[in-house]
N, C-alpha and C. Protein backbone atom coordinates (compact mmCIF):
# COMPACT_ATOMS: atom_id res chain seq x y z
N UNK A 1 -22.74 -6.82 68.79
CA UNK A 1 -23.53 -6.92 67.59
C UNK A 1 -23.08 -8.12 66.79
N UNK A 2 -24.02 -8.90 66.36
CA UNK A 2 -23.73 -10.01 65.47
C UNK A 2 -24.02 -9.59 64.04
N UNK A 3 -23.17 -9.98 63.12
CA UNK A 3 -23.39 -9.67 61.72
C UNK A 3 -22.74 -10.75 60.87
N UNK A 4 -23.21 -10.87 59.68
CA UNK A 4 -22.64 -11.84 58.75
C UNK A 4 -21.68 -11.08 57.84
N UNK A 5 -20.40 -11.40 57.98
CA UNK A 5 -19.42 -10.84 57.05
C UNK A 5 -19.08 -11.94 56.06
N UNK A 6 -18.71 -11.52 54.87
CA UNK A 6 -18.44 -12.46 53.80
C UNK A 6 -17.03 -12.25 53.29
N UNK A 7 -16.44 -13.32 52.80
CA UNK A 7 -15.12 -13.22 52.19
C UNK A 7 -15.14 -13.92 50.84
N UNK A 8 -14.72 -13.20 49.82
CA UNK A 8 -14.59 -13.80 48.50
C UNK A 8 -13.20 -14.41 48.44
N UNK A 9 -13.13 -15.73 48.41
CA UNK A 9 -11.85 -16.43 48.38
C UNK A 9 -11.73 -17.21 47.08
N UNK A 10 -10.50 -17.52 46.70
CA UNK A 10 -10.23 -18.23 45.47
C UNK A 10 -9.81 -19.64 45.81
N UNK A 11 -10.62 -20.60 45.39
CA UNK A 11 -10.35 -21.99 45.73
C UNK A 11 -11.01 -22.89 44.69
N UNK A 12 -10.45 -24.08 44.55
CA UNK A 12 -11.03 -25.02 43.60
C UNK A 12 -11.79 -26.16 44.28
N UNK A 13 -11.99 -26.05 45.58
CA UNK A 13 -12.79 -27.03 46.30
C UNK A 13 -13.42 -26.37 47.52
N UNK A 14 -14.45 -27.01 48.05
CA UNK A 14 -15.11 -26.48 49.23
C UNK A 14 -14.15 -26.44 50.43
N UNK A 15 -13.36 -27.49 50.58
CA UNK A 15 -12.40 -27.53 51.71
C UNK A 15 -11.38 -26.41 51.61
N UNK A 16 -10.87 -26.16 50.41
CA UNK A 16 -9.90 -25.07 50.24
C UNK A 16 -10.56 -23.71 50.48
N UNK A 17 -11.80 -23.57 50.06
CA UNK A 17 -12.53 -22.31 50.29
C UNK A 17 -12.72 -22.08 51.79
N UNK A 18 -13.11 -23.12 52.50
CA UNK A 18 -13.28 -23.00 53.96
C UNK A 18 -11.96 -22.64 54.63
N UNK A 19 -10.89 -23.28 54.20
CA UNK A 19 -9.58 -23.01 54.78
C UNK A 19 -9.14 -21.57 54.50
N UNK A 20 -9.33 -21.11 53.27
CA UNK A 20 -8.97 -19.72 52.93
C UNK A 20 -9.80 -18.72 53.71
N UNK A 21 -11.10 -18.98 53.81
CA UNK A 21 -11.98 -18.08 54.55
C UNK A 21 -11.58 -18.06 56.03
N UNK A 22 -11.26 -19.22 56.56
CA UNK A 22 -10.83 -19.29 57.97
C UNK A 22 -9.57 -18.44 58.17
N UNK A 23 -8.66 -18.48 57.21
CA UNK A 23 -7.45 -17.65 57.30
C UNK A 23 -7.78 -16.17 57.30
N UNK A 24 -8.72 -15.76 56.45
CA UNK A 24 -9.15 -14.36 56.41
C UNK A 24 -9.75 -13.97 57.76
N UNK A 25 -10.64 -14.79 58.28
CA UNK A 25 -11.32 -14.46 59.54
C UNK A 25 -10.36 -14.54 60.73
N UNK A 26 -9.38 -15.43 60.67
CA UNK A 26 -8.36 -15.47 61.72
C UNK A 26 -7.62 -14.13 61.79
N UNK A 27 -7.26 -13.59 60.60
CA UNK A 27 -6.56 -12.30 60.57
C UNK A 27 -7.47 -11.17 61.08
N UNK A 28 -8.76 -11.27 60.79
CA UNK A 28 -9.69 -10.23 61.22
C UNK A 28 -10.04 -10.30 62.70
N UNK A 29 -9.65 -11.38 63.37
CA UNK A 29 -9.91 -11.50 64.80
C UNK A 29 -8.61 -11.56 65.61
N UNK A 30 -7.48 -11.47 64.93
CA UNK A 30 -6.19 -11.51 65.64
C UNK A 30 -6.12 -10.35 66.62
N UNK A 31 -5.83 -10.64 67.85
CA UNK A 31 -5.79 -9.60 68.88
C UNK A 31 -7.16 -9.00 69.14
N UNK A 32 -8.19 -9.68 68.73
CA UNK A 32 -9.58 -9.24 68.86
C UNK A 32 -9.86 -7.93 68.14
N UNK A 33 -9.14 -7.67 67.06
CA UNK A 33 -9.37 -6.47 66.27
C UNK A 33 -9.35 -6.79 64.79
N UNK A 34 -10.30 -6.34 64.03
CA UNK A 34 -11.43 -5.50 64.41
C UNK A 34 -12.60 -6.28 65.01
N UNK A 35 -12.58 -7.60 64.87
CA UNK A 35 -13.65 -8.42 65.44
C UNK A 35 -13.10 -9.25 66.58
N UNK A 36 -13.94 -9.55 67.56
CA UNK A 36 -13.46 -10.31 68.71
C UNK A 36 -13.55 -11.82 68.50
N UNK A 37 -14.40 -12.27 67.61
CA UNK A 37 -14.47 -13.70 67.31
C UNK A 37 -15.27 -13.90 66.02
N UNK A 38 -15.27 -15.12 65.55
CA UNK A 38 -16.10 -15.46 64.40
C UNK A 38 -16.54 -16.91 64.51
N UNK A 39 -17.62 -17.21 63.86
CA UNK A 39 -18.08 -18.58 63.65
C UNK A 39 -18.38 -18.70 62.17
N UNK A 40 -18.08 -19.84 61.62
CA UNK A 40 -18.42 -20.10 60.23
C UNK A 40 -19.66 -20.98 60.19
N UNK A 41 -20.33 -21.01 59.07
CA UNK A 41 -21.59 -21.74 58.99
C UNK A 41 -21.40 -23.26 59.01
N UNK A 42 -20.19 -23.73 58.89
CA UNK A 42 -19.97 -25.16 59.03
C UNK A 42 -19.56 -25.52 60.46
N UNK A 43 -19.44 -24.48 61.32
CA UNK A 43 -18.98 -24.74 62.69
C UNK A 43 -19.46 -23.65 63.63
N UNK A 44 -20.69 -23.74 64.09
CA UNK A 44 -21.16 -22.81 65.11
C UNK A 44 -22.01 -21.67 64.61
N UNK A 45 -21.79 -21.19 63.40
CA UNK A 45 -22.54 -20.04 62.90
C UNK A 45 -24.02 -20.30 62.81
N UNK A 46 -24.38 -21.55 62.61
CA UNK A 46 -25.80 -21.86 62.51
C UNK A 46 -26.52 -21.76 63.84
N UNK A 47 -25.79 -21.78 64.95
CA UNK A 47 -26.44 -21.68 66.25
C UNK A 47 -27.09 -20.31 66.44
N UNK A 48 -26.52 -19.27 65.85
CA UNK A 48 -27.10 -17.93 65.96
C UNK A 48 -28.03 -17.63 64.78
N UNK A 49 -27.63 -18.00 63.56
CA UNK A 49 -28.34 -17.61 62.35
C UNK A 49 -29.25 -18.69 61.80
N UNK A 50 -29.15 -19.89 62.32
CA UNK A 50 -29.92 -20.99 61.74
C UNK A 50 -29.25 -21.48 60.46
N UNK A 51 -29.99 -22.08 59.63
CA UNK A 51 -29.45 -22.63 58.38
C UNK A 51 -29.73 -21.70 57.20
N UNK A 52 -29.61 -20.42 57.45
CA UNK A 52 -29.93 -19.41 56.44
C UNK A 52 -28.95 -19.45 55.26
N UNK A 53 -27.68 -19.72 55.54
CA UNK A 53 -26.66 -19.71 54.50
C UNK A 53 -25.85 -21.00 54.55
N UNK A 54 -25.32 -21.40 53.40
CA UNK A 54 -24.40 -22.54 53.40
C UNK A 54 -23.02 -22.10 53.89
N UNK A 55 -22.18 -23.06 54.24
CA UNK A 55 -20.82 -22.74 54.68
C UNK A 55 -20.02 -22.13 53.53
N UNK A 56 -20.25 -22.61 52.33
CA UNK A 56 -19.54 -22.13 51.14
C UNK A 56 -20.57 -21.98 50.02
N UNK A 57 -20.45 -20.91 49.26
CA UNK A 57 -21.30 -20.73 48.08
C UNK A 57 -20.41 -20.31 46.92
N UNK A 58 -20.57 -20.98 45.82
CA UNK A 58 -19.81 -20.59 44.61
C UNK A 58 -20.30 -19.22 44.16
N UNK A 59 -19.37 -18.42 43.70
CA UNK A 59 -19.70 -17.06 43.27
C UNK A 59 -20.65 -17.07 42.08
N UNK A 60 -20.60 -18.11 41.28
CA UNK A 60 -21.48 -18.16 40.12
C UNK A 60 -22.84 -18.79 40.43
N UNK A 61 -23.08 -19.12 41.69
CA UNK A 61 -24.39 -19.65 42.09
C UNK A 61 -25.32 -18.51 42.49
N UNK A 62 -26.59 -18.79 42.51
CA UNK A 62 -27.56 -17.78 42.93
C UNK A 62 -27.29 -17.32 44.36
N UNK A 63 -27.01 -18.27 45.27
CA UNK A 63 -26.72 -17.93 46.66
C UNK A 63 -25.44 -17.12 46.77
N UNK A 64 -24.40 -17.52 46.04
CA UNK A 64 -23.14 -16.79 46.06
C UNK A 64 -23.30 -15.35 45.59
N UNK A 65 -24.02 -15.19 44.49
CA UNK A 65 -24.27 -13.84 43.98
C UNK A 65 -25.04 -13.01 45.00
N UNK A 66 -26.06 -13.63 45.62
CA UNK A 66 -26.88 -12.92 46.60
C UNK A 66 -26.02 -12.49 47.79
N UNK A 67 -25.12 -13.34 48.23
CA UNK A 67 -24.27 -13.00 49.38
C UNK A 67 -23.35 -11.83 49.05
N UNK A 68 -22.80 -11.80 47.84
CA UNK A 68 -21.96 -10.67 47.43
C UNK A 68 -22.78 -9.40 47.34
N UNK A 69 -23.93 -9.49 46.69
CA UNK A 69 -24.80 -8.32 46.54
C UNK A 69 -25.20 -7.79 47.91
N UNK A 70 -25.62 -8.68 48.81
CA UNK A 70 -26.03 -8.24 50.14
C UNK A 70 -24.86 -7.61 50.91
N UNK A 71 -23.69 -8.23 50.86
CA UNK A 71 -22.52 -7.66 51.54
C UNK A 71 -22.18 -6.28 51.02
N UNK A 72 -22.25 -6.11 49.70
CA UNK A 72 -21.97 -4.82 49.08
C UNK A 72 -23.02 -3.78 49.49
N UNK A 73 -24.29 -4.17 49.45
CA UNK A 73 -25.36 -3.24 49.82
C UNK A 73 -25.25 -2.82 51.28
N UNK A 74 -24.95 -3.76 52.16
CA UNK A 74 -24.83 -3.43 53.58
C UNK A 74 -23.65 -2.49 53.82
N UNK A 75 -22.55 -2.70 53.12
CA UNK A 75 -21.38 -1.83 53.25
C UNK A 75 -21.72 -0.42 52.77
N UNK A 76 -22.35 -0.32 51.61
CA UNK A 76 -22.74 0.99 51.07
C UNK A 76 -23.72 1.68 52.01
N UNK A 77 -24.66 0.93 52.56
CA UNK A 77 -25.63 1.50 53.51
C UNK A 77 -24.91 2.09 54.73
N UNK A 78 -23.93 1.35 55.26
CA UNK A 78 -23.16 1.84 56.41
C UNK A 78 -22.42 3.12 56.05
N UNK A 79 -21.78 3.15 54.88
CA UNK A 79 -21.03 4.34 54.47
C UNK A 79 -21.96 5.54 54.34
N UNK A 80 -23.13 5.32 53.75
CA UNK A 80 -24.09 6.43 53.61
C UNK A 80 -24.53 6.96 54.96
N UNK A 81 -24.79 6.07 55.91
CA UNK A 81 -25.21 6.51 57.24
C UNK A 81 -24.13 7.36 57.89
N UNK A 82 -22.88 6.92 57.80
CA UNK A 82 -21.79 7.70 58.39
C UNK A 82 -21.63 9.04 57.67
N UNK A 83 -21.68 9.02 56.35
CA UNK A 83 -21.52 10.27 55.59
C UNK A 83 -22.67 11.24 55.87
N UNK A 84 -23.87 10.72 55.99
CA UNK A 84 -25.00 11.60 56.29
C UNK A 84 -24.85 12.27 57.65
N UNK A 85 -24.38 11.53 58.66
CA UNK A 85 -24.16 12.13 59.97
C UNK A 85 -23.04 13.17 59.91
N UNK A 86 -21.98 12.87 59.16
CA UNK A 86 -20.88 13.83 59.00
C UNK A 86 -21.38 15.09 58.32
N UNK A 87 -22.14 14.94 57.23
CA UNK A 87 -22.67 16.10 56.52
C UNK A 87 -23.54 16.96 57.45
N UNK A 88 -24.39 16.30 58.20
CA UNK A 88 -25.27 17.03 59.11
C UNK A 88 -24.46 17.82 60.13
N UNK A 89 -23.44 17.20 60.70
CA UNK A 89 -22.60 17.90 61.68
C UNK A 89 -21.83 19.05 61.02
N UNK A 90 -21.29 18.83 59.86
CA UNK A 90 -20.52 19.87 59.18
C UNK A 90 -21.41 21.06 58.83
N UNK A 91 -22.63 20.76 58.37
CA UNK A 91 -23.55 21.83 57.98
C UNK A 91 -24.11 22.60 59.17
N UNK A 92 -24.10 22.00 60.35
CA UNK A 92 -24.75 22.65 61.50
C UNK A 92 -23.78 23.18 62.55
N UNK A 93 -22.49 23.00 62.36
CA UNK A 93 -21.52 23.39 63.39
C UNK A 93 -20.46 24.33 62.83
N UNK A 94 -19.87 25.06 63.73
CA UNK A 94 -18.69 25.85 63.40
C UNK A 94 -17.49 24.91 63.43
N UNK A 95 -16.42 25.32 62.76
CA UNK A 95 -15.22 24.50 62.72
C UNK A 95 -14.71 24.18 64.12
N UNK A 96 -14.75 25.17 65.00
CA UNK A 96 -14.25 24.94 66.37
C UNK A 96 -15.09 23.86 67.07
N UNK A 97 -16.37 23.81 66.78
CA UNK A 97 -17.22 22.78 67.38
C UNK A 97 -16.89 21.40 66.81
N UNK A 98 -16.57 21.36 65.52
CA UNK A 98 -16.20 20.08 64.90
C UNK A 98 -14.91 19.52 65.47
N UNK A 99 -14.04 20.41 65.91
CA UNK A 99 -12.75 19.96 66.45
C UNK A 99 -12.86 19.42 67.86
N UNK A 100 -13.98 19.69 68.53
CA UNK A 100 -14.21 19.09 69.84
C UNK A 100 -14.27 17.58 69.67
N UNK A 101 -13.90 16.88 70.68
CA UNK A 101 -13.86 15.43 70.58
C UNK A 101 -15.23 14.79 70.72
N UNK A 102 -16.09 15.01 69.75
CA UNK A 102 -17.39 14.37 69.72
C UNK A 102 -17.17 12.90 69.34
N UNK A 103 -17.44 11.98 70.25
CA UNK A 103 -17.14 10.57 69.98
C UNK A 103 -17.88 10.02 68.76
N UNK A 104 -19.11 10.42 68.54
CA UNK A 104 -19.85 9.90 67.39
C UNK A 104 -19.27 10.42 66.08
N UNK A 105 -18.91 11.69 66.05
CA UNK A 105 -18.33 12.25 64.84
C UNK A 105 -16.99 11.59 64.55
N UNK A 106 -16.16 11.42 65.58
CA UNK A 106 -14.88 10.75 65.40
C UNK A 106 -15.09 9.32 64.89
N UNK A 107 -16.11 8.63 65.43
CA UNK A 107 -16.42 7.27 64.98
C UNK A 107 -16.85 7.26 63.52
N UNK A 108 -17.66 8.24 63.12
CA UNK A 108 -18.10 8.31 61.73
C UNK A 108 -16.91 8.52 60.79
N UNK A 109 -16.02 9.45 61.14
CA UNK A 109 -14.82 9.67 60.33
C UNK A 109 -13.97 8.41 60.26
N UNK A 110 -13.78 7.78 61.39
CA UNK A 110 -12.98 6.55 61.45
C UNK A 110 -13.60 5.45 60.57
N UNK A 111 -14.91 5.29 60.65
CA UNK A 111 -15.59 4.24 59.91
C UNK A 111 -15.50 4.44 58.40
N UNK A 112 -15.54 5.67 57.97
CA UNK A 112 -15.41 5.95 56.53
C UNK A 112 -14.03 5.55 56.03
N UNK A 113 -13.01 5.79 56.83
CA UNK A 113 -11.65 5.51 56.40
C UNK A 113 -11.16 4.10 56.70
N UNK A 114 -11.84 3.40 57.58
CA UNK A 114 -11.39 2.07 58.01
C UNK A 114 -11.79 1.01 56.98
N UNK A 115 -10.87 0.12 56.66
CA UNK A 115 -11.14 -0.92 55.67
C UNK A 115 -11.37 -2.28 56.31
N UNK A 116 -11.78 -2.31 57.54
CA UNK A 116 -12.26 -3.54 58.17
C UNK A 116 -13.03 -3.14 59.40
N UNK A 117 -13.82 -4.04 59.89
CA UNK A 117 -14.57 -3.75 61.10
C UNK A 117 -16.05 -3.56 60.85
N UNK A 118 -16.67 -2.83 61.76
CA UNK A 118 -18.12 -2.75 61.84
C UNK A 118 -18.80 -2.27 60.57
N UNK A 119 -18.19 -1.41 59.82
CA UNK A 119 -18.86 -0.87 58.64
C UNK A 119 -18.55 -1.65 57.36
N UNK A 120 -17.79 -2.69 57.46
CA UNK A 120 -17.43 -3.46 56.27
C UNK A 120 -18.01 -4.87 56.37
N UNK A 121 -18.77 -5.26 55.38
CA UNK A 121 -19.49 -6.53 55.39
C UNK A 121 -18.94 -7.52 54.37
N UNK A 122 -17.97 -7.10 53.54
CA UNK A 122 -17.48 -7.93 52.44
C UNK A 122 -15.96 -7.77 52.35
N UNK A 123 -15.25 -8.91 52.33
CA UNK A 123 -13.79 -8.91 52.34
C UNK A 123 -13.25 -9.70 51.15
N UNK A 124 -12.04 -9.33 50.74
CA UNK A 124 -11.40 -10.08 49.66
C UNK A 124 -10.55 -11.22 50.22
N UNK A 125 -9.87 -11.91 49.35
CA UNK A 125 -9.07 -13.08 49.72
C UNK A 125 -7.90 -12.74 50.65
N UNK A 126 -7.52 -11.46 50.68
CA UNK A 126 -6.42 -11.02 51.54
C UNK A 126 -6.92 -10.47 52.88
N UNK A 127 -8.23 -10.48 53.09
CA UNK A 127 -8.79 -9.97 54.33
C UNK A 127 -8.94 -8.45 54.34
N UNK A 128 -8.90 -7.84 53.16
CA UNK A 128 -9.10 -6.39 53.06
C UNK A 128 -10.58 -6.11 52.81
N UNK A 129 -11.13 -5.16 53.54
CA UNK A 129 -12.52 -4.80 53.35
C UNK A 129 -12.75 -4.19 51.98
N UNK A 130 -13.81 -4.61 51.34
CA UNK A 130 -14.17 -4.07 50.03
C UNK A 130 -15.12 -2.91 50.25
N UNK A 131 -14.62 -1.68 50.01
CA UNK A 131 -15.41 -0.49 50.28
C UNK A 131 -15.55 0.43 49.08
N UNK A 132 -15.09 0.00 47.91
CA UNK A 132 -15.36 0.79 46.72
C UNK A 132 -15.56 -0.14 45.54
N UNK A 133 -16.22 0.36 44.53
CA UNK A 133 -16.62 -0.47 43.39
C UNK A 133 -15.42 -1.03 42.63
N UNK A 134 -14.35 -0.26 42.49
CA UNK A 134 -13.16 -0.77 41.80
C UNK A 134 -12.59 -1.98 42.51
N UNK A 135 -12.52 -1.92 43.83
CA UNK A 135 -12.01 -3.05 44.61
C UNK A 135 -12.91 -4.27 44.42
N UNK A 136 -14.22 -4.06 44.46
CA UNK A 136 -15.15 -5.17 44.24
C UNK A 136 -14.97 -5.75 42.84
N UNK A 137 -14.91 -4.89 41.83
CA UNK A 137 -14.73 -5.36 40.46
C UNK A 137 -13.43 -6.14 40.30
N UNK A 138 -12.35 -5.61 40.87
CA UNK A 138 -11.06 -6.31 40.77
C UNK A 138 -11.12 -7.67 41.45
N UNK A 139 -11.79 -7.74 42.58
CA UNK A 139 -11.92 -9.01 43.30
C UNK A 139 -12.74 -10.00 42.48
N UNK A 140 -13.84 -9.54 41.91
CA UNK A 140 -14.68 -10.42 41.10
C UNK A 140 -14.01 -10.82 39.80
N UNK A 141 -13.24 -9.92 39.20
CA UNK A 141 -12.64 -10.20 37.90
C UNK A 141 -11.44 -11.12 37.95
N UNK A 142 -11.01 -11.52 39.15
CA UNK A 142 -9.94 -12.51 39.23
C UNK A 142 -10.43 -13.86 38.75
N UNK A 143 -11.73 -14.03 38.70
CA UNK A 143 -12.32 -15.27 38.20
C UNK A 143 -12.44 -15.18 36.68
N UNK A 144 -12.22 -16.25 35.99
CA UNK A 144 -12.34 -16.29 34.54
C UNK A 144 -13.70 -16.84 34.14
N UNK A 145 -14.75 -16.23 34.59
CA UNK A 145 -16.10 -16.69 34.33
C UNK A 145 -16.87 -15.55 33.66
N UNK A 146 -17.19 -15.71 32.38
CA UNK A 146 -17.88 -14.66 31.66
C UNK A 146 -19.23 -14.30 32.27
N UNK A 147 -19.88 -15.27 32.91
CA UNK A 147 -21.17 -15.00 33.54
C UNK A 147 -21.02 -13.95 34.65
N UNK A 148 -19.91 -13.97 35.35
CA UNK A 148 -19.73 -13.04 36.46
C UNK A 148 -19.45 -11.62 35.98
N UNK A 149 -18.95 -11.48 34.76
CA UNK A 149 -18.65 -10.13 34.27
C UNK A 149 -19.91 -9.30 34.15
N UNK A 150 -21.06 -9.94 34.04
CA UNK A 150 -22.32 -9.23 33.95
C UNK A 150 -23.02 -9.09 35.28
N UNK A 151 -22.37 -9.50 36.36
CA UNK A 151 -22.99 -9.43 37.68
C UNK A 151 -23.22 -7.97 38.04
N UNK A 152 -24.46 -7.63 38.29
CA UNK A 152 -24.82 -6.26 38.60
C UNK A 152 -24.98 -6.12 40.10
N UNK A 153 -23.95 -5.59 40.75
CA UNK A 153 -24.01 -5.38 42.19
C UNK A 153 -23.77 -3.94 42.54
């Protein structure tokens, strides 16, 4: 599966942002876990996605805001899908049936608790998946930009 993951990095230039993002993605592909490879939009990513996104977008730009909002929405959507499947299984099974090694149920539980990988579309500067609103707010609030404090994501 191909997907666009995003990393909010702190940098004062495009080159530093690219370097920081590369470091995040290197950590996320080390040992091919949780991802087996990555391409950035300044080097190869456009071959699959076209010129849909720039290599770097400032967080205070329209594109930057859209990328954060989209990453957050996709992550929340994934969490809801996993939780809905878990709820359905819990409501329809006996405890002994839940304890059977149902691979999909185990995957759903794993995905809810995992902070990187397939269900996470947005990462912070340390390469940690952003999966709750406090983490997103803390990541965004590291910037001293009053405009961003009103960002509704």
